[in-house]
């Protein structure tokens, strides 16, 4: 029997899918990619693996408004921007201004230990499609 914390073949396979992509897949997307790769993991295995990888700090779960959770293997500090037209998610590597964080801390009395800011906008593809339609 394997230990609960071991990196099993199933966990490694799912982790490899996440590290090979930057499109922030949902659990359903991951299941489709597993099937396309000839794997037939139980849904519970996929969901439990995503929970395990998140708890171990190997991936981040992105909970976006009104959408299924998405998963990101990039664990360094960064933010995300979501296209309000097509739902595409991209990464943003701009640090929030220190003065702004200090102001929030002073105003609320909180010590800020982590920031997760979600930006929304219209991606270039959707902007171009809209321009072409006019």
N, C-alpha and C. Protein backbone atom coordinates (compact mmCIF):
# COMPACT_ATOMS: atom_id res chain seq x y z
N UNK A 1 0.84 -1.19 0.00
CA UNK A 1 0.00 0.00 0.00
C UNK A 1 0.88 1.24 0.00
N UNK A 2 0.48 2.26 -0.74
CA UNK A 2 1.27 3.49 -0.84
C UNK A 2 0.90 4.46 0.27
N UNK A 3 1.87 5.27 0.63
CA UNK A 3 1.60 6.31 1.61
C UNK A 3 0.72 7.39 0.96
N UNK A 4 -0.09 8.06 1.78
CA UNK A 4 -0.98 9.10 1.27
C UNK A 4 -0.19 10.24 0.62
N UNK A 5 1.03 10.46 1.06
CA UNK A 5 1.81 11.58 0.54
C UNK A 5 2.75 11.23 -0.59
N UNK A 6 2.71 10.01 -1.07
CA UNK A 6 3.64 9.59 -2.13
C UNK A 6 3.22 10.17 -3.48
N UNK A 7 4.21 10.44 -4.32
CA UNK A 7 3.93 10.91 -5.68
C UNK A 7 3.71 9.67 -6.55
N UNK A 8 2.46 9.24 -6.62
CA UNK A 8 2.11 8.05 -7.38
C UNK A 8 2.21 8.32 -8.88
N UNK A 9 2.10 7.28 -9.66
CA UNK A 9 2.12 7.42 -11.12
C UNK A 9 0.97 8.32 -11.58
N UNK A 10 -0.20 8.13 -10.99
CA UNK A 10 -1.36 8.94 -11.35
C UNK A 10 -1.12 10.41 -11.02
N UNK A 11 -0.61 10.68 -9.83
CA UNK A 11 -0.34 12.07 -9.43
C UNK A 11 0.70 12.70 -10.34
N UNK A 12 1.74 11.96 -10.66
CA UNK A 12 2.81 12.47 -11.53
C UNK A 12 2.26 12.75 -12.92
N UNK A 13 1.42 11.89 -13.43
CA UNK A 13 0.84 12.08 -14.77
C UNK A 13 0.00 13.35 -14.81
N UNK A 14 -0.82 13.56 -13.80
CA UNK A 14 -1.66 14.76 -13.74
C UNK A 14 -0.80 16.00 -13.55
N UNK A 15 0.20 15.92 -12.70
CA UNK A 15 1.12 17.05 -12.49
C UNK A 15 1.84 17.39 -13.79
N UNK A 16 2.26 16.38 -14.53
CA UNK A 16 2.95 16.61 -15.81
C UNK A 16 2.04 17.33 -16.81
N UNK A 17 0.76 16.99 -16.82
CA UNK A 17 -0.19 17.68 -17.70
C UNK A 17 -0.23 19.16 -17.34
N UNK A 18 -0.26 19.46 -16.05
CA UNK A 18 -0.34 20.85 -15.60
C UNK A 18 0.93 21.63 -15.90
N UNK A 19 2.08 20.99 -15.76
CA UNK A 19 3.33 21.72 -16.01
C UNK A 19 3.60 21.89 -17.50
N UNK A 20 2.93 21.11 -18.33
CA UNK A 20 3.16 21.18 -19.78
C UNK A 20 2.27 22.22 -20.46
N UNK A 21 1.42 22.89 -19.71
CA UNK A 21 0.47 23.82 -20.31
C UNK A 21 0.43 25.12 -19.52
N UNK A 22 0.00 26.18 -20.18
CA UNK A 22 -0.18 27.45 -19.46
C UNK A 22 -1.60 27.98 -19.62
N UNK A 23 -2.54 27.08 -19.95
CA UNK A 23 -3.91 27.52 -20.18
C UNK A 23 -4.83 27.34 -18.97
N UNK A 24 -4.28 26.98 -17.83
CA UNK A 24 -5.05 26.89 -16.59
C UNK A 24 -6.28 25.98 -16.74
N UNK A 25 -6.05 24.69 -16.98
CA UNK A 25 -7.17 23.78 -17.25
C UNK A 25 -8.06 23.53 -16.04
N UNK A 26 -9.31 23.19 -16.33
CA UNK A 26 -10.24 22.74 -15.29
C UNK A 26 -10.01 21.24 -15.09
N UNK A 27 -10.65 20.67 -14.08
CA UNK A 27 -10.55 19.22 -13.87
C UNK A 27 -11.08 18.48 -15.10
N UNK A 28 -12.16 18.98 -15.69
CA UNK A 28 -12.71 18.35 -16.90
C UNK A 28 -11.72 18.38 -18.05
N UNK A 29 -11.02 19.51 -18.20
CA UNK A 29 -9.99 19.61 -19.24
C UNK A 29 -8.89 18.57 -19.01
N UNK A 30 -8.50 18.41 -17.76
CA UNK A 30 -7.44 17.45 -17.42
C UNK A 30 -7.91 16.03 -17.73
N UNK A 31 -9.15 15.71 -17.38
CA UNK A 31 -9.70 14.38 -17.67
C UNK A 31 -9.69 14.12 -19.18
N UNK A 32 -10.08 15.12 -19.98
CA UNK A 32 -10.05 14.98 -21.44
C UNK A 32 -8.63 14.72 -21.94
N UNK A 33 -7.66 15.43 -21.39
CA UNK A 33 -6.27 15.26 -21.82
C UNK A 33 -5.72 13.90 -21.40
N UNK A 34 -6.15 13.43 -20.24
CA UNK A 34 -5.75 12.09 -19.81
C UNK A 34 -6.28 11.04 -20.79
N UNK A 35 -7.57 11.16 -21.14
CA UNK A 35 -8.19 10.21 -22.07
C UNK A 35 -7.49 10.27 -23.43
N UNK A 36 -7.17 11.49 -23.90
CA UNK A 36 -6.49 11.64 -25.19
C UNK A 36 -5.11 10.99 -25.16
N UNK A 37 -4.51 10.95 -23.96
CA UNK A 37 -3.20 10.32 -23.80
C UNK A 37 -3.28 8.83 -23.50
N UNK A 38 -4.48 8.27 -23.55
CA UNK A 38 -4.64 6.84 -23.34
C UNK A 38 -4.79 6.42 -21.89
N UNK A 39 -4.99 7.39 -20.99
CA UNK A 39 -5.16 7.09 -19.56
C UNK A 39 -6.65 7.06 -19.23
N UNK A 40 -7.02 6.22 -18.30
CA UNK A 40 -8.41 6.11 -17.89
C UNK A 40 -8.49 6.17 -16.37
N UNK A 41 -8.19 7.34 -15.80
CA UNK A 41 -8.24 7.51 -14.35
C UNK A 41 -9.68 7.77 -13.92
N UNK A 42 -10.05 7.27 -12.77
CA UNK A 42 -11.36 7.57 -12.20
C UNK A 42 -11.45 9.07 -11.90
N UNK A 43 -12.64 9.62 -12.05
CA UNK A 43 -12.82 11.04 -11.76
C UNK A 43 -12.37 11.38 -10.35
N UNK A 44 -12.69 10.51 -9.40
CA UNK A 44 -12.29 10.75 -8.00
C UNK A 44 -10.78 10.84 -7.88
N UNK A 45 -10.06 10.04 -8.64
CA UNK A 45 -8.59 10.08 -8.62
C UNK A 45 -8.10 11.44 -9.08
N UNK A 46 -8.70 11.96 -10.14
CA UNK A 46 -8.29 13.27 -10.66
C UNK A 46 -8.57 14.36 -9.62
N UNK A 47 -9.78 14.39 -9.08
CA UNK A 47 -10.14 15.42 -8.11
C UNK A 47 -9.30 15.30 -6.84
N UNK A 48 -9.10 14.09 -6.35
CA UNK A 48 -8.27 13.89 -5.15
C UNK A 48 -6.82 14.29 -5.41
N UNK A 49 -6.33 14.01 -6.61
CA UNK A 49 -4.96 14.39 -6.96
C UNK A 49 -4.82 15.90 -7.02
N UNK A 50 -5.79 16.58 -7.60
CA UNK A 50 -5.74 18.04 -7.66
C UNK A 50 -5.75 18.63 -6.26
N UNK A 51 -6.56 18.05 -5.38
CA UNK A 51 -6.59 18.50 -3.98
C UNK A 51 -5.23 18.27 -3.32
N UNK A 52 -4.66 17.09 -3.52
CA UNK A 52 -3.35 16.76 -2.94
C UNK A 52 -2.27 17.71 -3.45
N UNK A 53 -2.21 17.92 -4.77
CA UNK A 53 -1.18 18.78 -5.35
C UNK A 53 -1.32 20.22 -4.85
N UNK A 54 -2.57 20.67 -4.67
CA UNK A 54 -2.82 22.01 -4.13
C UNK A 54 -2.36 22.10 -2.68
N UNK A 55 -2.74 21.13 -1.87
CA UNK A 55 -2.36 21.14 -0.45
C UNK A 55 -0.85 21.05 -0.26
N UNK A 56 -0.16 20.36 -1.17
CA UNK A 56 1.30 20.24 -1.10
C UNK A 56 2.01 21.47 -1.64
N UNK A 57 1.26 22.43 -2.19
CA UNK A 57 1.85 23.65 -2.73
C UNK A 57 2.50 23.46 -4.09
N UNK A 58 2.20 22.36 -4.75
CA UNK A 58 2.79 22.10 -6.07
C UNK A 58 2.03 22.79 -7.20
N UNK A 59 0.75 23.09 -6.95
CA UNK A 59 -0.08 23.82 -7.91
C UNK A 59 -0.95 24.79 -7.13
N UNK A 60 -1.56 25.73 -7.85
CA UNK A 60 -2.54 26.64 -7.26
C UNK A 60 -3.90 26.38 -7.89
N UNK A 61 -4.92 26.46 -7.06
CA UNK A 61 -6.29 26.38 -7.56
C UNK A 61 -6.79 27.80 -7.77
N UNK A 62 -7.32 28.09 -8.95
CA UNK A 62 -7.89 29.39 -9.24
C UNK A 62 -9.40 29.26 -9.20
N UNK A 63 -10.01 29.97 -8.28
CA UNK A 63 -11.47 29.94 -8.18
C UNK A 63 -11.97 31.23 -8.81
N UNK A 64 -12.48 31.11 -10.01
CA UNK A 64 -12.96 32.27 -10.75
C UNK A 64 -14.47 32.34 -10.63
N UNK A 65 -14.98 33.56 -10.63
CA UNK A 65 -16.42 33.77 -10.47
C UNK A 65 -17.23 32.98 -11.49
N UNK A 66 -18.18 32.21 -11.01
CA UNK A 66 -19.11 31.51 -11.88
C UNK A 66 -18.47 30.50 -12.83
N UNK A 67 -17.29 30.05 -12.52
CA UNK A 67 -16.58 29.12 -13.40
C UNK A 67 -16.04 27.97 -12.55
N UNK A 68 -15.79 26.85 -13.19
CA UNK A 68 -15.15 25.73 -12.50
C UNK A 68 -13.74 26.14 -12.09
N UNK A 69 -13.24 25.58 -11.01
CA UNK A 69 -11.87 25.85 -10.60
C UNK A 69 -10.92 25.50 -11.73
N UNK A 70 -9.87 26.31 -11.84
CA UNK A 70 -8.81 26.05 -12.81
C UNK A 70 -7.54 25.82 -12.03
N UNK A 71 -6.56 25.21 -12.66
CA UNK A 71 -5.34 24.83 -11.95
C UNK A 71 -4.11 25.37 -12.67
N UNK A 72 -3.14 25.81 -11.86
CA UNK A 72 -1.94 26.48 -12.35
C UNK A 72 -0.72 25.87 -11.69
N UNK A 73 0.21 25.38 -12.49
CA UNK A 73 1.43 24.78 -11.94
C UNK A 73 2.50 25.82 -11.63
N UNK A 74 2.28 27.07 -12.03
CA UNK A 74 3.25 28.13 -11.69
C UNK A 74 2.91 28.61 -10.29
N UNK A 75 3.80 28.36 -9.36
CA UNK A 75 3.51 28.67 -7.96
C UNK A 75 4.19 29.95 -7.48
N UNK A 76 5.04 30.56 -8.33
CA UNK A 76 5.63 31.82 -7.90
C UNK A 76 4.55 32.90 -7.86
N UNK A 77 4.80 33.96 -7.12
CA UNK A 77 3.81 35.01 -6.91
C UNK A 77 3.46 35.69 -8.23
N UNK A 78 2.19 35.60 -8.61
CA UNK A 78 1.70 36.30 -9.80
C UNK A 78 0.19 36.40 -9.72
N UNK A 79 -0.35 37.23 -10.59
CA UNK A 79 -1.79 37.46 -10.62
C UNK A 79 -2.33 36.88 -11.93
N UNK A 80 -3.64 37.03 -12.13
CA UNK A 80 -4.27 36.51 -13.34
C UNK A 80 -5.21 37.55 -13.93
N UNK A 81 -5.37 37.48 -15.25
CA UNK A 81 -6.33 38.31 -15.96
C UNK A 81 -7.22 37.39 -16.79
N UNK A 82 -8.52 37.64 -16.73
CA UNK A 82 -9.51 36.78 -17.39
C UNK A 82 -10.24 37.59 -18.45
N UNK A 83 -10.36 37.01 -19.63
CA UNK A 83 -11.12 37.66 -20.70
C UNK A 83 -12.61 37.51 -20.39
N UNK A 84 -13.30 38.63 -20.33
CA UNK A 84 -14.73 38.60 -20.02
C UNK A 84 -15.57 38.11 -21.20
N UNK A 85 -14.95 37.98 -22.38
CA UNK A 85 -15.68 37.47 -23.54
C UNK A 85 -15.55 35.96 -23.70
N UNK A 86 -14.30 35.46 -23.70
CA UNK A 86 -14.09 34.03 -23.99
C UNK A 86 -13.66 33.21 -22.79
N UNK A 87 -13.31 33.85 -21.67
CA UNK A 87 -12.91 33.13 -20.47
C UNK A 87 -11.45 32.74 -20.40
N UNK A 88 -10.66 33.14 -21.40
CA UNK A 88 -9.23 32.85 -21.41
C UNK A 88 -8.58 33.45 -20.16
N UNK A 89 -7.63 32.70 -19.58
CA UNK A 89 -6.92 33.16 -18.38
C UNK A 89 -5.44 33.30 -18.73
N UNK A 90 -4.87 34.46 -18.42
CA UNK A 90 -3.43 34.69 -18.61
C UNK A 90 -2.81 35.10 -17.29
N UNK A 91 -1.50 34.97 -17.23
CA UNK A 91 -0.75 35.32 -16.03
C UNK A 91 -0.22 36.74 -16.13
N UNK A 92 -0.15 37.41 -14.98
CA UNK A 92 0.35 38.78 -14.89
C UNK A 92 1.49 38.78 -13.88
N UNK A 93 2.67 39.19 -14.32
CA UNK A 93 3.84 39.20 -13.44
C UNK A 93 4.25 40.62 -13.09
N UNK A 94 3.30 41.39 -12.58
CA UNK A 94 3.56 42.75 -12.13
C UNK A 94 3.24 42.78 -10.64
N UNK A 95 4.21 43.20 -9.85
CA UNK A 95 4.00 43.26 -8.40
C UNK A 95 3.10 44.44 -8.05
N UNK A 96 2.13 44.26 -7.16
CA UNK A 96 1.34 45.39 -6.69
C UNK A 96 2.26 46.40 -5.99
N UNK A 97 2.00 47.70 -6.16
CA UNK A 97 2.85 48.71 -5.54
C UNK A 97 2.89 48.56 -4.01
N UNK A 98 4.09 48.64 -3.46
CA UNK A 98 4.29 48.50 -2.02
C UNK A 98 3.48 49.54 -1.25
N UNK A 99 3.45 50.79 -1.76
CA UNK A 99 2.71 51.86 -1.08
C UNK A 99 1.23 51.50 -0.99
N UNK A 100 0.70 50.89 -2.03
CA UNK A 100 -0.71 50.50 -2.04
C UNK A 100 -0.96 49.41 -1.00
N UNK A 101 -0.08 48.41 -0.95
CA UNK A 101 -0.22 47.33 0.05
C UNK A 101 -0.10 47.88 1.47
N UNK A 102 0.86 48.80 1.68
CA UNK A 102 1.02 49.42 3.00
C UNK A 102 -0.23 50.20 3.40
N UNK A 103 -0.81 50.91 2.45
CA UNK A 103 -2.03 51.68 2.71
C UNK A 103 -3.18 50.75 3.12
N UNK A 104 -3.32 49.64 2.43
CA UNK A 104 -4.36 48.66 2.78
C UNK A 104 -4.12 48.12 4.18
N UNK A 105 -2.87 47.83 4.49
CA UNK A 105 -2.51 47.30 5.80
C UNK A 105 -2.82 48.31 6.90
N UNK A 106 -2.46 49.57 6.66
CA UNK A 106 -2.73 50.62 7.65
C UNK A 106 -4.22 50.83 7.83
N UNK A 107 -4.97 50.81 6.75
CA UNK A 107 -6.41 51.06 6.80
C UNK A 107 -7.17 49.94 7.50
N UNK A 108 -6.72 48.70 7.31
CA UNK A 108 -7.46 47.56 7.85
C UNK A 108 -6.88 46.97 9.13
N UNK A 109 -5.59 47.25 9.37
CA UNK A 109 -4.92 46.65 10.51
C UNK A 109 -4.40 45.24 10.23
N UNK A 110 -4.61 44.77 9.01
CA UNK A 110 -4.15 43.43 8.62
C UNK A 110 -2.68 43.47 8.24
N UNK A 111 -1.98 42.38 8.55
CA UNK A 111 -0.66 42.16 7.98
C UNK A 111 -0.89 41.34 6.72
N UNK A 112 -0.57 41.91 5.58
CA UNK A 112 -0.80 41.23 4.31
C UNK A 112 0.27 40.17 4.11
N UNK A 113 -0.17 38.93 3.98
CA UNK A 113 0.77 37.82 3.80
C UNK A 113 0.74 37.27 2.37
N UNK A 114 -0.30 37.60 1.64
CA UNK A 114 -0.44 37.11 0.28
C UNK A 114 -1.46 37.99 -0.43
N UNK A 115 -1.24 38.23 -1.71
CA UNK A 115 -2.25 38.96 -2.47
C UNK A 115 -2.63 38.16 -3.70
N UNK A 116 -3.92 38.08 -3.94
CA UNK A 116 -4.46 37.43 -5.12
C UNK A 116 -5.41 38.43 -5.77
N UNK A 117 -4.95 39.02 -6.84
CA UNK A 117 -5.75 40.03 -7.54
C UNK A 117 -6.15 39.44 -8.88
N UNK A 118 -7.42 39.53 -9.19
CA UNK A 118 -7.94 39.03 -10.46
C UNK A 118 -8.34 40.22 -11.32
N UNK A 119 -7.69 40.35 -12.45
CA UNK A 119 -8.03 41.40 -13.40
C UNK A 119 -8.98 40.83 -14.44
N UNK A 120 -9.84 41.69 -14.97
CA UNK A 120 -10.75 41.29 -16.04
C UNK A 120 -10.60 42.27 -17.18
N UNK A 121 -10.79 41.75 -18.38
CA UNK A 121 -10.69 42.59 -19.57
C UNK A 121 -11.10 41.79 -20.78
N UNK A 122 -10.74 42.30 -21.95
CA UNK A 122 -11.03 41.62 -23.21
C UNK A 122 -9.70 41.30 -23.86
N UNK A 123 -9.46 40.02 -24.15
CA UNK A 123 -8.18 39.59 -24.72
C UNK A 123 -8.02 40.11 -26.15
N UNK A 124 -6.80 40.05 -26.63
CA UNK A 124 -6.49 40.55 -27.97
C UNK A 124 -7.30 39.83 -29.05
N UNK A 125 -7.44 38.51 -28.92
CA UNK A 125 -8.21 37.75 -29.90
C UNK A 125 -9.66 38.21 -29.98
N UNK A 126 -10.28 38.44 -28.84
CA UNK A 126 -11.67 38.89 -28.82
C UNK A 126 -11.79 40.33 -29.32
N UNK A 127 -10.81 41.19 -28.96
CA UNK A 127 -10.82 42.57 -29.47
C UNK A 127 -10.73 42.57 -30.98
N UNK A 128 -9.81 41.75 -31.52
CA UNK A 128 -9.64 41.69 -32.98
C UNK A 128 -10.89 41.14 -33.66
N UNK A 129 -11.51 40.13 -33.06
CA UNK A 129 -12.73 39.55 -33.63
C UNK A 129 -13.86 40.57 -33.64
N UNK A 130 -13.94 41.36 -32.57
CA UNK A 130 -14.98 42.39 -32.48
C UNK A 130 -14.73 43.48 -33.52
N UNK A 131 -13.46 43.88 -33.69
CA UNK A 131 -13.11 44.90 -34.68
C UNK A 131 -13.41 44.41 -36.09
N UNK A 132 -13.11 43.14 -36.36
CA UNK A 132 -13.34 42.58 -37.69
C UNK A 132 -14.83 42.47 -38.01
N UNK A 133 -15.66 42.32 -36.97
CA UNK A 133 -17.10 42.17 -37.16
C UNK A 133 -17.77 43.51 -37.49
N UNK A 134 -17.07 44.61 -37.18
CA UNK A 134 -17.67 45.93 -37.45
C UNK A 134 -17.29 46.46 -38.79
